[in-house]
N, C-alpha and C. Protein backbone atom coordinates (compact mmCIF):
# COMPACT_ATOMS: atom_id res chain seq x y z
N MET A 1 156.37 152.58 121.68
CA MET A 1 155.95 153.80 121.01
C MET A 1 155.11 153.44 119.79
N VAL A 2 153.94 154.07 119.66
CA VAL A 2 153.05 153.83 118.53
C VAL A 2 153.28 154.93 117.50
N THR A 3 153.53 154.51 116.27
CA THR A 3 153.75 155.49 115.21
C THR A 3 152.43 155.79 114.52
N GLU A 4 152.30 157.02 114.09
CA GLU A 4 151.10 157.44 113.39
C GLU A 4 151.11 156.89 111.97
N PRO A 5 149.98 156.38 111.49
CA PRO A 5 149.96 155.86 110.13
C PRO A 5 150.10 156.98 109.11
N GLY A 6 150.59 156.61 107.94
CA GLY A 6 150.66 157.56 106.84
C GLY A 6 149.26 157.84 106.32
N TYR A 7 149.16 158.78 105.40
CA TYR A 7 147.85 159.18 104.88
C TYR A 7 147.09 158.01 104.27
N GLU A 8 147.74 157.27 103.37
CA GLU A 8 147.05 156.19 102.67
C GLU A 8 146.58 155.12 103.64
N GLN A 9 147.42 154.77 104.60
CA GLN A 9 147.05 153.74 105.57
C GLN A 9 145.87 154.23 106.42
N ALA A 10 145.91 155.49 106.87
CA ALA A 10 144.82 156.04 107.68
C ALA A 10 143.53 156.10 106.87
N ARG A 11 143.64 156.52 105.60
CA ARG A 11 142.46 156.61 104.73
C ARG A 11 141.83 155.24 104.52
N ASP A 12 142.67 154.23 104.27
CA ASP A 12 142.15 152.88 104.04
C ASP A 12 141.50 152.32 105.30
N GLU A 13 142.13 152.54 106.45
CA GLU A 13 141.55 152.05 107.70
C GLU A 13 140.25 152.79 108.00
N LEU A 14 140.20 154.08 107.72
CA LEU A 14 138.98 154.85 107.93
C LEU A 14 137.85 154.31 107.05
N ALA A 15 138.16 153.98 105.81
CA ALA A 15 137.14 153.41 104.91
C ALA A 15 136.63 152.08 105.46
N ALA A 16 137.52 151.28 106.03
CA ALA A 16 137.10 150.00 106.62
C ALA A 16 136.22 150.22 107.85
N VAL A 17 136.56 151.22 108.65
CA VAL A 17 135.76 151.55 109.84
C VAL A 17 134.35 151.97 109.41
N VAL A 18 134.28 152.83 108.40
CA VAL A 18 132.98 153.29 107.92
C VAL A 18 132.15 152.12 107.40
N ALA A 19 132.78 151.22 106.66
CA ALA A 19 132.06 150.06 106.12
C ALA A 19 131.51 149.20 107.25
N LYS A 20 132.30 148.99 108.30
CA LYS A 20 131.83 148.18 109.44
C LYS A 20 130.67 148.86 110.13
N LEU A 21 130.75 150.17 110.31
CA LEU A 21 129.66 150.90 110.97
C LEU A 21 128.40 150.87 110.12
N GLU A 22 128.55 151.02 108.81
CA GLU A 22 127.40 150.99 107.91
C GLU A 22 126.76 149.62 107.85
N ALA A 23 127.55 148.57 108.01
CA ALA A 23 127.02 147.21 107.95
C ALA A 23 126.14 146.91 109.16
N GLY A 24 126.42 147.60 110.27
CA GLY A 24 125.60 147.41 111.47
C GLY A 24 125.87 146.08 112.14
N GLY A 25 125.00 145.74 113.07
CA GLY A 25 125.12 144.47 113.77
C GLY A 25 126.13 144.47 114.90
N LEU A 26 126.67 145.62 115.23
CA LEU A 26 127.66 145.71 116.30
C LEU A 26 127.00 146.12 117.59
N SER A 27 127.64 145.78 118.68
CA SER A 27 127.14 146.24 119.97
C SER A 27 127.37 147.74 120.07
N LEU A 28 126.68 148.37 121.00
CA LEU A 28 126.86 149.80 121.20
C LEU A 28 128.32 150.11 121.54
N GLU A 29 128.91 149.30 122.42
CA GLU A 29 130.30 149.52 122.83
C GLU A 29 131.25 149.39 121.64
N ASP A 30 131.05 148.37 120.81
CA ASP A 30 131.90 148.20 119.63
C ASP A 30 131.71 149.34 118.63
N SER A 31 130.46 149.77 118.47
CA SER A 31 130.18 150.88 117.57
C SER A 31 130.86 152.16 118.05
N LEU A 32 130.79 152.43 119.34
CA LEU A 32 131.43 153.62 119.89
C LEU A 32 132.95 153.56 119.73
N ALA A 33 133.53 152.39 119.96
CA ALA A 33 134.98 152.24 119.80
C ALA A 33 135.39 152.48 118.35
N LEU A 34 134.61 151.95 117.41
CA LEU A 34 134.90 152.17 115.99
C LEU A 34 134.73 153.64 115.62
N TRP A 35 133.68 154.26 116.16
CA TRP A 35 133.45 155.67 115.87
C TRP A 35 134.65 156.51 116.35
N GLU A 36 135.11 156.24 117.56
CA GLU A 36 136.25 156.97 118.11
C GLU A 36 137.50 156.75 117.26
N ARG A 37 137.71 155.52 116.81
CA ARG A 37 138.87 155.23 115.96
C ARG A 37 138.73 155.99 114.64
N GLY A 38 137.52 156.01 114.10
CA GLY A 38 137.28 156.74 112.86
C GLY A 38 137.56 158.23 113.00
N GLU A 39 137.16 158.80 114.12
CA GLU A 39 137.43 160.22 114.38
C GLU A 39 138.93 160.48 114.43
N ALA A 40 139.66 159.60 115.11
CA ALA A 40 141.12 159.75 115.20
C ALA A 40 141.76 159.64 113.82
N LEU A 41 141.29 158.69 113.03
CA LEU A 41 141.83 158.51 111.68
C LEU A 41 141.52 159.72 110.80
N ALA A 42 140.33 160.28 110.93
CA ALA A 42 139.96 161.47 110.15
C ALA A 42 140.87 162.64 110.51
N ARG A 43 141.20 162.79 111.79
CA ARG A 43 142.12 163.86 112.20
C ARG A 43 143.51 163.64 111.60
N ILE A 44 143.96 162.39 111.58
CA ILE A 44 145.27 162.08 110.99
C ILE A 44 145.26 162.44 109.50
N CYS A 45 144.20 162.07 108.79
CA CYS A 45 144.10 162.39 107.36
C CYS A 45 144.10 163.90 107.15
N ASP A 46 143.34 164.62 107.97
CA ASP A 46 143.31 166.08 107.85
C ASP A 46 144.69 166.68 108.06
N LYS A 47 145.42 166.15 109.03
CA LYS A 47 146.76 166.66 109.32
C LYS A 47 147.69 166.44 108.12
N HIS A 48 147.63 165.25 107.54
CA HIS A 48 148.47 164.96 106.38
C HIS A 48 148.09 165.87 105.20
N LEU A 49 146.80 166.06 104.98
CA LEU A 49 146.36 166.90 103.87
C LEU A 49 146.75 168.35 104.08
N ALA A 50 146.66 168.83 105.31
CA ALA A 50 147.06 170.20 105.62
C ALA A 50 148.55 170.38 105.35
N GLY A 51 149.35 169.39 105.72
CA GLY A 51 150.78 169.46 105.46
C GLY A 51 151.08 169.47 103.97
N ALA A 52 150.37 168.66 103.22
CA ALA A 52 150.57 168.63 101.77
C ALA A 52 150.14 169.95 101.15
N ARG A 53 149.02 170.49 101.61
CA ARG A 53 148.54 171.78 101.10
C ARG A 53 149.58 172.88 101.35
N GLU A 54 150.15 172.87 102.54
CA GLU A 54 151.17 173.87 102.89
C GLU A 54 152.40 173.74 101.99
N ARG A 55 152.81 172.51 101.72
CA ARG A 55 153.97 172.30 100.85
C ARG A 55 153.70 172.80 99.44
N VAL A 56 152.49 172.54 98.93
CA VAL A 56 152.13 173.00 97.59
C VAL A 56 152.11 174.53 97.55
N GLU A 57 151.49 175.14 98.57
CA GLU A 57 151.43 176.60 98.60
C GLU A 57 152.83 177.21 98.68
N THR A 58 153.72 176.61 99.45
CA THR A 58 155.09 177.10 99.56
C THR A 58 155.81 176.98 98.21
N ALA A 59 155.63 175.85 97.55
CA ALA A 59 156.27 175.64 96.24
C ALA A 59 155.73 176.63 95.21
N LEU A 60 154.42 176.87 95.22
CA LEU A 60 153.83 177.83 94.28
C LEU A 60 154.33 179.24 94.55
N ALA A 61 154.43 179.61 95.81
CA ALA A 61 154.93 180.93 96.16
C ALA A 61 156.37 181.09 95.73
N ALA A 62 157.18 180.06 95.92
CA ALA A 62 158.58 180.12 95.51
C ALA A 62 158.70 180.24 93.99
N ALA A 63 157.88 179.49 93.27
CA ALA A 63 157.89 179.56 91.81
C ALA A 63 157.45 180.94 91.32
N GLU A 64 156.45 181.50 91.98
CA GLU A 64 155.98 182.82 91.61
C GLU A 64 157.05 183.88 91.89
N ALA A 65 157.74 183.75 93.00
CA ALA A 65 158.81 184.69 93.34
C ALA A 65 159.94 184.64 92.33
N GLU A 66 160.23 183.46 91.80
CA GLU A 66 161.28 183.31 90.80
C GLU A 66 160.88 183.96 89.48
N ASN A 67 159.59 183.98 89.20
CA ASN A 67 159.10 184.52 87.93
C ASN A 67 158.90 186.02 87.95
N THR A 68 159.05 186.66 89.09
CA THR A 68 158.84 188.11 89.14
C THR A 68 160.13 188.86 89.27
């Protein structure tokens, strides 16, 4: 079973993928594989950020409800 990386790990790996793609010199097949990995990592980061955003919104709503 493969576990999904945490936000920081996915972000760091995505930055490394982007750097490799920007450096160039890769075969088309290697470039496509890196691009696909980068897309997957970006989706993982988005998912983590969406979850964090939801938690913040829930906490703010709860705090607001307590103050009214």
